[in-house]
PDB file of N, CA and C in Angstrom:
ATOM      1  N   MET A   1     173.479 143.962  35.061  1.00  0.00           N
ATOM      2  CA  MET A   1     174.350 143.722  36.271  1.00  0.00           C
ATOM      3  C   MET A   1     174.338 142.414  36.851  1.00  0.00           C
ATOM      4  N   LEU A   2     174.937 141.892  37.303  1.00  0.00           N
ATOM      5  CA  LEU A   2     174.967 140.672  38.214  1.00  0.00           C
ATOM      6  C   LEU A   2     174.649 140.763  39.311  1.00  0.00           C
ATOM      7  N   SER A   3     173.710 139.768  40.127  1.00  0.00           N
ATOM      8  CA  SER A   3     173.411 139.995  41.386  1.00  0.00           C
ATOM      9  C   SER A   3     174.802 139.250  41.990  1.00  0.00           C
ATOM     10  N   PRO A   4     174.829 139.516  43.257  1.00  0.00           N
ATOM     11  CA  PRO A   4     175.941 138.892  44.153  1.00  0.00           C
ATOM     12  C   PRO A   4     175.837 137.293  44.242  1.00  0.00           C
ATOM     13  N   SER A   5     174.368 136.884  44.121  1.00  0.00           N
ATOM     14  CA  SER A   5     174.035 135.424  44.341  1.00  0.00           C
ATOM     15  C   SER A   5     174.623 134.704  42.675  1.00  0.00           C
ATOM     16  N   SER A   6     173.829 135.412  41.974  1.00  0.00           N
ATOM     17  CA  SER A   6     174.270 135.173  40.443  1.00  0.00           C
ATOM     18  C   SER A   6     175.602 134.837  40.122  1.00  0.00           C
ATOM     19  N   ARG A   7     176.375 135.983  40.763  1.00  0.00           N
ATOM     20  CA  ARG A   7     178.348 136.091  40.500  1.00  0.00           C
ATOM     21  C   ARG A   7     178.717 135.001  40.888  1.00  0.00           C
ATOM     22  N   SER A   8     178.392 134.418  42.382  1.00  0.00           N
ATOM     23  CA  SER A   8     178.756 133.386  42.913  1.00  0.00           C
ATOM     24  C   SER A   8     178.594 131.971  42.253  1.00  0.00           C
ATOM     25  N   ARG A   9     177.110 131.999  41.885  1.00  0.00           N
ATOM     26  CA  ARG A   9     176.817 130.690  41.021  1.00  0.00           C
ATOM     27  C   ARG A   9     177.732 130.270  39.946  1.00  0.00           C
ATOM     28  N   ILE A  10     177.537 131.850  39.350  1.00  0.00           N
ATOM     29  CA  ILE A  10     178.586 131.585  37.617  1.00  0.00           C
ATOM     30  C   ILE A  10     179.748 131.007  37.844  1.00  0.00           C
ATOM     31  N   LYS A  11     180.672 131.691  39.279  1.00  0.00           N
ATOM     32  CA  LYS A  11     181.681 131.382  39.557  1.00  0.00           C
ATOM     33  C   LYS A  11     182.159 129.938  39.881  1.00  0.00           C
ATOM     34  N   GLU A  12     181.100 129.524  40.580  1.00  0.00           N
ATOM     35  CA  GLU A  12     181.296 128.253  41.092  1.00  0.00           C
ATOM     36  C   GLU A  12     181.064 127.058  40.300  1.00  0.00           C
ATOM     37  N   ILE A  13     180.125 127.048  38.802  1.00  0.00           N
ATOM     38  CA  ILE A  13     180.158 126.310  37.850  1.00  0.00           C
ATOM     39  C   ILE A  13     181.195 126.538  36.785  1.00  0.00           C
ATOM     40  N   LEU A  14     181.859 127.892  36.423  1.00  0.00           N
ATOM     41  CA  LEU A  14     183.033 127.814  35.712  1.00  0.00           C
ATOM     42  C   LEU A  14     184.290 127.409  36.426  1.00  0.00           C
ATOM     43  N   SER A  15     184.417 127.585  37.798  1.00  0.00           N
ATOM     44  CA  SER A  15     185.395 126.555  38.648  1.00  0.00           C
ATOM     45  C   SER A  15     185.535 124.924  38.340  1.00  0.00           C
ATOM     46  N   ARG A  16     184.439 124.636  38.145  1.00  0.00           N
ATOM     47  CA  ARG A  16     184.301 123.160  37.935  1.00  0.00           C
ATOM     48  C   ARG A  16     184.338 123.110  36.422  1.00  0.00           C
ATOM     49  N   VAL A  17     184.223 123.667  35.575  1.00  0.00           N
ATOM     50  CA  VAL A  17     184.569 123.648  33.799  1.00  0.00           C
ATOM     51  C   VAL A  17     186.003 123.614  33.930  1.00  0.00           C
ATOM     52  N   ALA A  18     186.363 124.666  34.500  1.00  0.00           N
ATOM     53  CA  ALA A  18     187.955 124.662  34.536  1.00  0.00           C
ATOM     54  C   ALA A  18     188.685 123.624  35.381  1.00  0.00           C
ATOM     55  N   GLN A  19     187.951 122.883  36.172  1.00  0.00           N
ATOM     56  CA  GLN A  19     188.570 121.641  36.963  1.00  0.00           C
ATOM     57  C   GLN A  19     188.404 120.622  35.932  1.00  0.00           C
ATOM     58  N   GLY A  20     187.542 120.162  35.341  1.00  0.00           N
ATOM     59  CA  GLY A  20     187.199 119.222  34.155  1.00  0.00           C
ATOM     60  C   GLY A  20     186.145 118.571  35.023  1.00  0.00           C
ATOM     61  N   GLU A  21     185.520 118.816  36.109  1.00  0.00           N
ATOM     62  CA  GLU A  21     184.462 118.318  37.030  1.00  0.00           C
ATOM     63  C   GLU A  21     183.096 118.261  36.107  1.00  0.00           C
ATOM     64  N   THR A  22     182.148 117.746  36.627  1.00  0.00           N
ATOM     65  CA  THR A  22     180.950 117.307  36.037  1.00  0.00           C
ATOM     66  C   THR A  22     180.096 118.655  36.322  1.00  0.00           C
ATOM     67  N   VAL A  23     179.677 119.351  35.150  1.00  0.00           N
ATOM     68  CA  VAL A  23     178.689 120.287  34.773  1.00  0.00           C
ATOM     69  C   VAL A  23     177.351 120.059  34.449  1.00  0.00           C
ATOM     70  N   THR A  24     176.168 120.162  34.965  1.00  0.00           N
ATOM     71  CA  THR A  24     174.677 119.833  34.255  1.00  0.00           C
ATOM     72  C   THR A  24     174.461 120.370  33.140  1.00  0.00           C
ATOM     73  N   LEU A  25     173.878 119.721  32.079  1.00  0.00           N
ATOM     74  CA  LEU A  25     173.416 120.543  31.056  1.00  0.00           C
ATOM     75  C   LEU A  25     172.402 121.575  31.369  1.00  0.00           C
ATOM     76  N   ASP A  26     171.941 121.852  32.208  1.00  0.00           N
ATOM     77  CA  ASP A  26     170.844 123.032  32.554  1.00  0.00           C
ATOM     78  C   ASP A  26     172.092 124.159  33.356  1.00  0.00           C
ATOM     79  N   GLU A  27     173.215 123.812  34.005  1.00  0.00           N
ATOM     80  CA  GLU A  27     173.979 124.761  34.203  1.00  0.00           C
ATOM     81  C   GLU A  27     174.943 125.255  33.058  1.00  0.00           C
ATOM     82  N   ARG A  28     175.417 124.624  31.652  1.00  0.00           N
ATOM     83  CA  ARG A  28     176.043 124.845  30.716  1.00  0.00           C
ATOM     84  C   ARG A  28     175.060 125.617  29.903  1.00  0.00           C
ATOM     85  N   LEU A  29     173.801 125.381  29.995  1.00  0.00           N
ATOM     86  CA  LEU A  29     172.822 126.502  29.262  1.00  0.00           C
ATOM     87  C   LEU A  29     172.829 127.451  29.672  1.00  0.00           C
ATOM     88  N   TYR A  30     172.534 127.726  31.143  1.00  0.00           N
ATOM     89  CA  TYR A  30     172.526 128.986  31.947  1.00  0.00           C
ATOM     90  C   TYR A  30     173.970 129.661  31.631  1.00  0.00           C
ATOM     91  N   ILE A  31     175.107 129.064  31.629  1.00  0.00           N
ATOM     92  CA  ILE A  31     176.334 129.954  31.591  1.00  0.00           C
ATOM     93  C   ILE A  31     176.344 130.223  30.028  1.00  0.00           C
ATOM     94  N   HIS A  32     176.115 129.338  29.096  1.00  0.00           N
ATOM     95  CA  HIS A  32     176.005 129.856  27.700  1.00  0.00           C
ATOM     96  C   HIS A  32     175.088 130.883  27.410  1.00  0.00           C
ATOM     97  N   LYS A  33     173.878 131.375  28.042  1.00  0.00           N
ATOM     98  CA  LYS A  33     172.897 132.046  27.670  1.00  0.00           C
ATOM     99  C   LYS A  33     173.350 133.539  28.235  1.00  0.00           C
ATOM    100  N   LEU A  34     173.676 133.153  29.592  1.00  0.00           N
ATOM    101  CA  LEU A  34     174.657 134.807  30.180  1.00  0.00           C
ATOM    102  C   LEU A  34     175.621 135.208  29.028  1.00  0.00           C
ATOM    103  N   ALA A  35     176.668 134.186  28.724  1.00  0.00           N
ATOM    104  CA  ALA A  35     177.950 134.450  28.044  1.00  0.00           C
ATOM    105  C   ALA A  35     177.284 135.171  26.549  1.00  0.00           C
ATOM    106  N   ASP A  36     176.196 134.798  25.834  1.00  0.00           N
ATOM    107  CA  ASP A  36     176.146 135.478  24.872  1.00  0.00           C
ATOM    108  C   ASP A  36     175.468 136.760  25.346  1.00  0.00           C
ATOM    109  N   LYS A  37     175.036 137.282  26.340  1.00  0.00           N
ATOM    110  CA  LYS A  37     174.553 138.419  26.643  1.00  0.00           C
ATOM    111  C   LYS A  37     175.585 139.302  27.507  1.00  0.00           C
ATOM    112  N   ASP A  38     176.412 138.793  28.337  1.00  0.00           N
ATOM    113  CA  ASP A  38     177.347 139.756  28.709  1.00  0.00           C
ATOM    114  C   ASP A  38     178.616 138.966  28.742  1.00  0.00           C
ATOM    115  N   GLN A  39     179.285 140.379  27.997  1.00  0.00           N
ATOM    116  CA  GLN A  39     181.278 140.148  27.912  1.00  0.00           C
ATOM    117  C   GLN A  39     181.705 139.728  28.985  1.00  0.00           C
ATOM    118  N   THR A  40     181.646 139.955  30.429  1.00  0.00           N
ATOM    119  CA  THR A  40     182.203 139.687  31.476  1.00  0.00           C
ATOM    120  C   THR A  40     182.166 138.079  31.460  1.00  0.00           C
ATOM    121  N   VAL A  41     181.079 137.743  31.373  1.00  0.00           N
ATOM    122  CA  VAL A  41     180.750 135.928  31.703  1.00  0.00           C
ATOM    123  C   VAL A  41     181.348 135.296  30.484  1.00  0.00           C
ATOM    124  N   ASN A  42     181.102 135.883  29.261  1.00  0.00           N
ATOM    125  CA  ASN A  42     182.129 135.267  28.114  1.00  0.00           C
ATOM    126  C   ASN A  42     183.524 135.261  28.358  1.00  0.00           C
ATOM    127  N   ALA A  43     184.114 136.270  28.989  1.00  0.00           N
ATOM    128  CA  ALA A  43     185.515 135.928  29.112  1.00  0.00           C
ATOM    129  C   ALA A  43     185.866 135.189  30.321  1.00  0.00           C
ATOM    130  N   TRP A  44     184.962 134.820  31.264  1.00  0.00           N
ATOM    131  CA  TRP A  44     185.382 134.115  32.601  1.00  0.00           C
ATOM    132  C   TRP A  44     185.380 132.781  31.901  1.00  0.00           C
ATOM    133  N   LEU A  45     184.509 132.451  30.952  1.00  0.00           N
ATOM    134  CA  LEU A  45     183.897 131.059  30.240  1.00  0.00           C
ATOM    135  C   LEU A  45     185.215 130.881  29.400  1.00  0.00           C
ATOM    136  N   THR A  46     185.732 131.911  28.459  1.00  0.00           N
ATOM    137  CA  THR A  46     186.697 131.594  28.074  1.00  0.00           C
ATOM    138  C   THR A  46     187.835 131.325  28.663  1.00  0.00           C
ATOM    139  N   ARG A  47     188.057 131.723  29.729  1.00  0.00           N
ATOM    140  CA  ARG A  47     189.153 131.341  30.765  1.00  0.00           C
ATOM    141  C   ARG A  47     189.438 130.096  31.299  1.00  0.00           C
ATOM    142  N   ALA A  48     188.013 129.919  31.622  1.00  0.00           N
ATOM    143  CA  ALA A  48     187.583 128.573  32.217  1.00  0.00           C
ATOM    144  C   ALA A  48     187.886 127.273  31.254  1.00  0.00           C
ATOM    145  N   ARG A  49     187.560 127.675  30.096  1.00  0.00           N
ATOM    146  CA  ARG A  49     187.706 126.395  29.062  1.00  0.00           C
ATOM    147  C   ARG A  49     189.625 126.720  28.909  1.00  0.00           C
ATOM    148  N   ARG A  50     189.955 127.668  28.897  1.00  0.00           N
ATOM    149  CA  ARG A  50     191.552 127.441  28.504  1.00  0.00           C
ATOM    150  C   ARG A  50     192.425 126.638  29.554  1.00  0.00           C
ATOM    151  N   VAL A  51     191.657 127.009  30.983  1.00  0.00           N
ATOM    152  CA  VAL A  51     192.196 126.248  31.984  1.00  0.00           C
ATOM    153  C   VAL A  51     192.056 125.080  31.848  1.00  0.00           C
ATOM    154  N   GLN A  52     190.942 124.438  31.315  1.00  0.00           N
ATOM    155  CA  GLN A  52     190.705 123.156  31.581  1.00  0.00           C
ATOM    156  C   GLN A  52     191.601 122.518  30.411  1.00  0.00           C
ATOM    157  N   THR A  53     191.849 122.948  29.101  1.00  0.00           N
ATOM    158  CA  THR A  53     192.326 122.475  28.053  1.00  0.00           C
ATOM    159  C   THR A  53     194.133 122.382  28.876  1.00  0.00           C
ATOM    160  N   ASN A  54     194.660 123.409  29.674  1.00  0.00           N
ATOM    161  CA  ASN A  54     196.096 123.160  30.471  1.00  0.00           C
ATOM    162  C   ASN A  54     197.249 123.396  29.386  1.00  0.00           C
ATOM    163  N   GLU A  55     196.926 124.274  28.584  1.00  0.00           N
ATOM    164  CA  GLU A  55     197.875 124.072  27.192  1.00  0.00           C
ATOM    165  C   GLU A  55     198.713 125.266  28.059  1.00  0.00           C
ATOM    166  N   LYS A  56     200.387 124.674  27.989  1.00  0.00           N
ATOM    167  CA  LYS A  56     201.152 125.998  28.426  1.00  0.00           C
ATOM    168  C   LYS A  56     202.010 125.886  27.250  1.00  0.00           C
ATOM    169  N   SER A  57     202.494 127.137  26.951  1.00  0.00           N
ATOM    170  CA  SER A  57     203.265 127.363  25.979  1.00  0.00           C
ATOM    171  C   SER A  57     204.783 127.874  26.628  1.00  0.00           C
ATOM    172  N   ASN A  58     206.042 127.847  25.947  1.00  0.00           N
ATOM    173  CA  ASN A  58     206.877 128.298  26.244  1.00  0.00           C
ATOM    174  C   ASN A  58     207.322 129.797  25.438  1.00  0.00           C
ATOM    175  N   ASP A  59     206.385 129.769  24.311  1.00  0.00           N
ATOM    176  CA  ASP A  59     206.642 130.956  23.438  1.00  0.00           C
ATOM    177  C   ASP A  59     205.856 132.263  24.399  1.00  0.00           C
ATOM    178  N   PRO A  60     207.003 133.455  24.270  1.00  0.00           N
ATOM    179  CA  PRO A  60     206.324 134.683  24.997  1.00  0.00           C
ATOM    180  C   PRO A  60     205.309 135.239  24.368  1.00  0.00           C
ATOM    181  N   ILE A  61     205.134 135.200  23.255  1.00  0.00           N
ATOM    182  CA  ILE A  61     204.108 135.691  22.576  1.00  0.00           C
ATOM    183  C   ILE A  61     202.745 135.012  22.636  1.00  0.00           C
ATOM    184  N   ASP A  62     202.794 133.885  22.758  1.00  0.00           N
ATOM    185  CA  ASP A  62     201.721 132.847  22.927  1.00  0.00           C
ATOM    186  C   ASP A  62     201.138 133.164  24.625  1.00  0.00           C
ATOM    187  N   GLU A  63     202.006 133.151  25.478  1.00  0.00           N
ATOM    188  CA  GLU A  63     201.702 133.951  26.637  1.00  0.00           C
ATOM    189  C   GLU A  63     201.187 134.773  26.831  1.00  0.00           C
ATOM    190  N   LEU A  64     201.584 135.705  26.015  1.00  0.00           N
ATOM    191  CA  LEU A  64     201.039 137.014  25.880  1.00  0.00           C
ATOM    192  C   LEU A  64     199.189 137.229  25.718  1.00  0.00           C
ATOM    193  N   LEU A  65     199.492 136.418  24.568  1.00  0.00           N
ATOM    194  CA  LEU A  65     198.187 136.394  23.953  1.00  0.00           C
ATOM    195  C   LEU A  65     197.087 135.810  25.011  1.00  0.00           C
ATOM    196  N   SER A  66     197.546 134.721  25.577  1.00  0.00           N
ATOM    197  CA  SER A  66     196.556 133.829  26.351  1.00  0.00           C
ATOM    198  C   SER A  66     196.369 134.899  27.997  1.00  0.00           C
ATOM    199  N   GLY A  67     197.365 135.632  28.015  1.00  0.00           N
ATOM    200  CA  GLY A  67     197.017 136.737  29.439  1.00  0.00           C
ATOM    201  C   GLY A  67     196.047 137.448  28.862  1.00  0.00           C
ATOM    202  N   LEU A  68     196.124 137.964  27.759  1.00  0.00           N
ATOM    203  CA  LEU A  68     195.294 139.122  27.581  1.00  0.00           C
ATOM    204  C   LEU A  68     193.714 138.352  26.781  1.00  0.00           C
ATOM    205  N   ASP A  69     193.696 137.053  27.016  1.00  0.00           N
ATOM    206  CA  ASP A  69     192.489 136.588  26.518  1.00  0.00           C
ATOM    207  C   ASP A  69     191.837 136.774  24.811  1.00  0.00           C
ATOM    208  N   LEU A  70     193.238 136.609  24.332  1.00  0.00           N
ATOM    209  CA  LEU A  70     193.137 136.952  22.933  1.00  0.00           C
ATOM    210  C   LEU A  70     193.537 135.807  22.144  1.00  0.00           C
ATOM    211  N   ASP A  71     193.965 134.710  22.583  1.00  0.00           N
ATOM    212  CA  ASP A  71     194.192 133.398  21.864  1.00  0.00           C
ATOM    213  C   ASP A  71     192.993 132.296  21.902  1.00  0.00           C
ATOM    214  N   PRO A  72     192.489 131.515  20.970  1.00  0.00           N
ATOM    215  CA  PRO A  72     191.503 130.762  20.776  1.00  0.00           C
ATOM    216  C   PRO A  72     191.478 129.988  21.910  1.00  0.00           C
ATOM    217  N   THR A  73     189.937 129.300  21.925  1.00  0.00           N
ATOM    218  CA  THR A  73     189.747 128.518  23.150  1.00  0.00           C
ATOM    219  C   THR A  73     189.237 126.882  22.700  1.00  0.00           C
ATOM    220  N   GLU A  74     189.191 127.130  21.100  1.00  0.00           N
ATOM    221  CA  GLU A  74     188.800 126.116  20.486  1.00  0.00           C
ATOM    222  C   GLU A  74     190.069 125.764  19.769  1.00  0.00           C
ATOM    223  N   PRO A  75     190.604 124.692  19.601  1.00  0.00           N
ATOM    224  CA  PRO A  75     192.135 124.549  18.737  1.00  0.00           C
ATOM    225  C   PRO A  75     191.541 124.312  17.163  1.00  0.00           C
ATOM    226  N   ASN A  76     190.183 124.096  16.563  1.00  0.00           N
ATOM    227  CA  ASN A  76     190.505 124.268  15.317  1.00  0.00           C
ATOM    228  C   ASN A  76     189.485 125.463  14.934  1.00  0.00           C
ATOM    229  N   SER A  77     189.489 126.556  15.657  1.00  0.00           N
ATOM    230  CA  SER A  77     188.922 127.772  15.253  1.00  0.00           C
ATOM    231  C   SER A  77     189.462 128.500  14.310  1.00  0.00           C
ATOM    232  N   PHE A  78     190.411 128.482  13.486  1.00  0.00           N
ATOM    233  CA  PHE A  78     190.978 128.902  12.497  1.00  0.00           C
ATOM    234  C   PHE A  78     189.959 129.319  11.523  1.00  0.00           C
ATOM    235  N   TYR A  79     190.275 130.430  10.837  1.00  0.00           N
ATOM    236  CA  TYR A  79     189.506 130.428   9.612  1.00  0.00           C
ATOM    237  C   TYR A  79     189.683 130.204   8.534  1.00  0.00           C
ATOM    238  N   ASN A  80     189.592 129.251   7.629  1.00  0.00           N
ATOM    239  CA  ASN A  80     190.469 128.686   6.147  1.00  0.00           C
ATOM    240  C   ASN A  80     189.106 129.167   5.066  1.00  0.00           C
ATOM    241  N   PRO A  81     189.892 130.146   4.435  1.00  0.00           N
ATOM    242  CA  PRO A  81     189.303 130.922   3.204  1.00  0.00           C
ATOM    243  C   PRO A  81     188.941 130.141   2.373  1.00  0.00           C
ATOM    244  N   ASP A  82     189.755 128.983   2.195  1.00  0.00           N
ATOM    245  CA  ASP A  82     189.592 128.004   1.053  1.00  0.00           C
ATOM    246  C   ASP A  82     188.310 127.106   1.105  1.00  0.00           C
ATOM    247  N   GLN A  83     187.983 126.687   2.426  1.00  0.00           N
ATOM    248  CA  GLN A  83     186.890 125.901   2.646  1.00  0.00           C
ATOM    249  C   GLN A  83     185.584 126.437   3.615  1.00  0.00           C
ATOM    250  N   GLU A  84     185.861 127.643   3.993  1.00  0.00           N
ATOM    251  CA  GLU A  84     184.814 128.224   4.889  1.00  0.00           C
ATOM    252  C   GLU A  84     184.339 129.637   4.265  1.00  0.00           C
ATOM    253  N   ASP A  85     183.143 129.817   4.047  1.00  0.00           N
ATOM    254  CA  ASP A  85     182.605 131.257   4.051  1.00  0.00           C
ATOM    255  C   ASP A  85     182.792 132.152   5.400  1.00  0.00           C
ATOM    256  N   LEU A  86     183.211 133.245   5.183  1.00  0.00           N
ATOM    257  CA  LEU A  86     183.818 134.216   6.276  1.00  0.00           C
ATOM    258  C   LEU A  86     182.221 134.591   7.188  1.00  0.00           C
ATOM    259  N   GLY A  87     181.296 134.599   6.459  1.00  0.00           N
ATOM    260  CA  GLY A  87     180.217 134.901   7.371  1.00  0.00           C
ATOM    261  C   GLY A  87     179.370 133.941   8.090  1.00  0.00           C
ATOM    262  N   ASP A  88     179.729 132.581   7.571  1.00  0.00           N
ATOM    263  CA  ASP A  88     179.628 131.384   8.064  1.00  0.00           C
ATOM    264  C   ASP A  88     180.159 131.218   9.453  1.00  0.00           C
ATOM    265  N   TRP A  89     181.346 131.535   9.211  1.00  0.00           N
ATOM    266  CA  TRP A  89     182.567 131.655  10.132  1.00  0.00           C
ATOM    267  C   TRP A  89     182.172 132.792  11.602  1.00  0.00           C
ATOM    268  N   PHE A  90     181.622 133.499  11.530  1.00  0.00           N
ATOM    269  CA  PHE A  90     181.399 134.804  12.359  1.00  0.00           C
ATOM    270  C   PHE A  90     179.954 134.274  12.860  1.00  0.00           C
ATOM    271  N   SER A  91     179.166 133.274  12.365  1.00  0.00           N
ATOM    272  CA  SER A  91     177.656 133.314  12.661  1.00  0.00           C
ATOM    273  C   SER A  91     177.938 132.703  14.145  1.00  0.00           C
ATOM    274  N   GLY A  92     178.454 132.197  14.724  1.00  0.00           N
ATOM    275  CA  GLY A  92     178.671 131.570  16.180  1.00  0.00           C
ATOM    276  C   GLY A  92     178.965 132.536  16.968  1.00  0.00           C
ATOM    277  N   ALA A  93     179.253 133.977  16.944  1.00  0.00           N
ATOM    278  CA  ALA A  93     179.716 135.028  17.381  1.00  0.00           C
ATOM    279  C   ALA A  93     178.710 135.191  18.690  1.00  0.00           C
ATOM    280  N   PRO A  94     179.118 135.901  19.954  1.00  0.00           N
ATOM    281  CA  PRO A  94     178.029 135.988  20.885  1.00  0.00           C
ATOM    282  C   PRO A  94     177.205 137.323  20.371  1.00  0.00           C
ATOM    283  N   SER A  95     176.187 137.429  20.876  1.00  0.00           N
ATOM    284  CA  SER A  95     175.116 138.437  20.057  1.00  0.00           C
ATOM    285  C   SER A  95     175.810 140.104  20.544  1.00  0.00           C
ATOM    286  N   TRP A  96     176.540 140.133  21.659  1.00  0.00           N
ATOM    287  CA  TRP A  96     176.879 141.641  21.984  1.00  0.00           C
ATOM    288  C   TRP A  96     177.978 141.792  21.086  1.00  0.00           C
ATOM    289  N   ILE A  97     178.446 141.105  20.297  1.00  0.00           N
ATOM    290  CA  ILE A  97     179.628 141.611  19.322  1.00  0.00           C
ATOM    291  C   ILE A  97     178.866 142.236  18.078  1.00  0.00           C
ATOM    292  N   GLY A  98     177.241 141.887  17.614  1.00  0.00           N
ATOM    293  CA  GLY A  98     176.733 142.425  16.609  1.00  0.00           C
ATOM    294  C   GLY A  98     176.770 143.910  16.909  1.00  0.00           C
ATOM    295  N   ARG A  99     176.333 144.480  15.860  1.00  0.00           N
ATOM    296  CA  ARG A  99     176.327 146.227  15.435  1.00  0.00           C
ATOM    297  C   ARG A  99     175.221 146.607  16.226  1.00  0.00           C
ATOM    298  N   SER A 100     175.399 147.885  16.542  1.00  0.00           N
ATOM    299  CA  SER A 100     174.598 148.501  17.248  1.00  0.00           C
ATOM    300  C   SER A 100     173.571 149.725  16.513  1.00  0.00           C
TER     301      SER A 100
END
């Protein structure tokens, strides 16, 4: 569980990420380390990246997926079975997704 001070620091850093402002390497490492361990922080980071790219769609399905945090944050993050190995493609997933 995150302390109130940690939560405040995370929100402040992610606010700057979403606005496209400067974020130090130490802050990025801090956020990514927490995002690998905490599903909530990972969702916050995903949303901040999405806001940063500021992609708007008129398609209601795309808006629904975005609202549910189900759309990709990386534009080229789609699996291509002709060029990629499925195991390698999932290797970048956060550690909390692994089997228990």
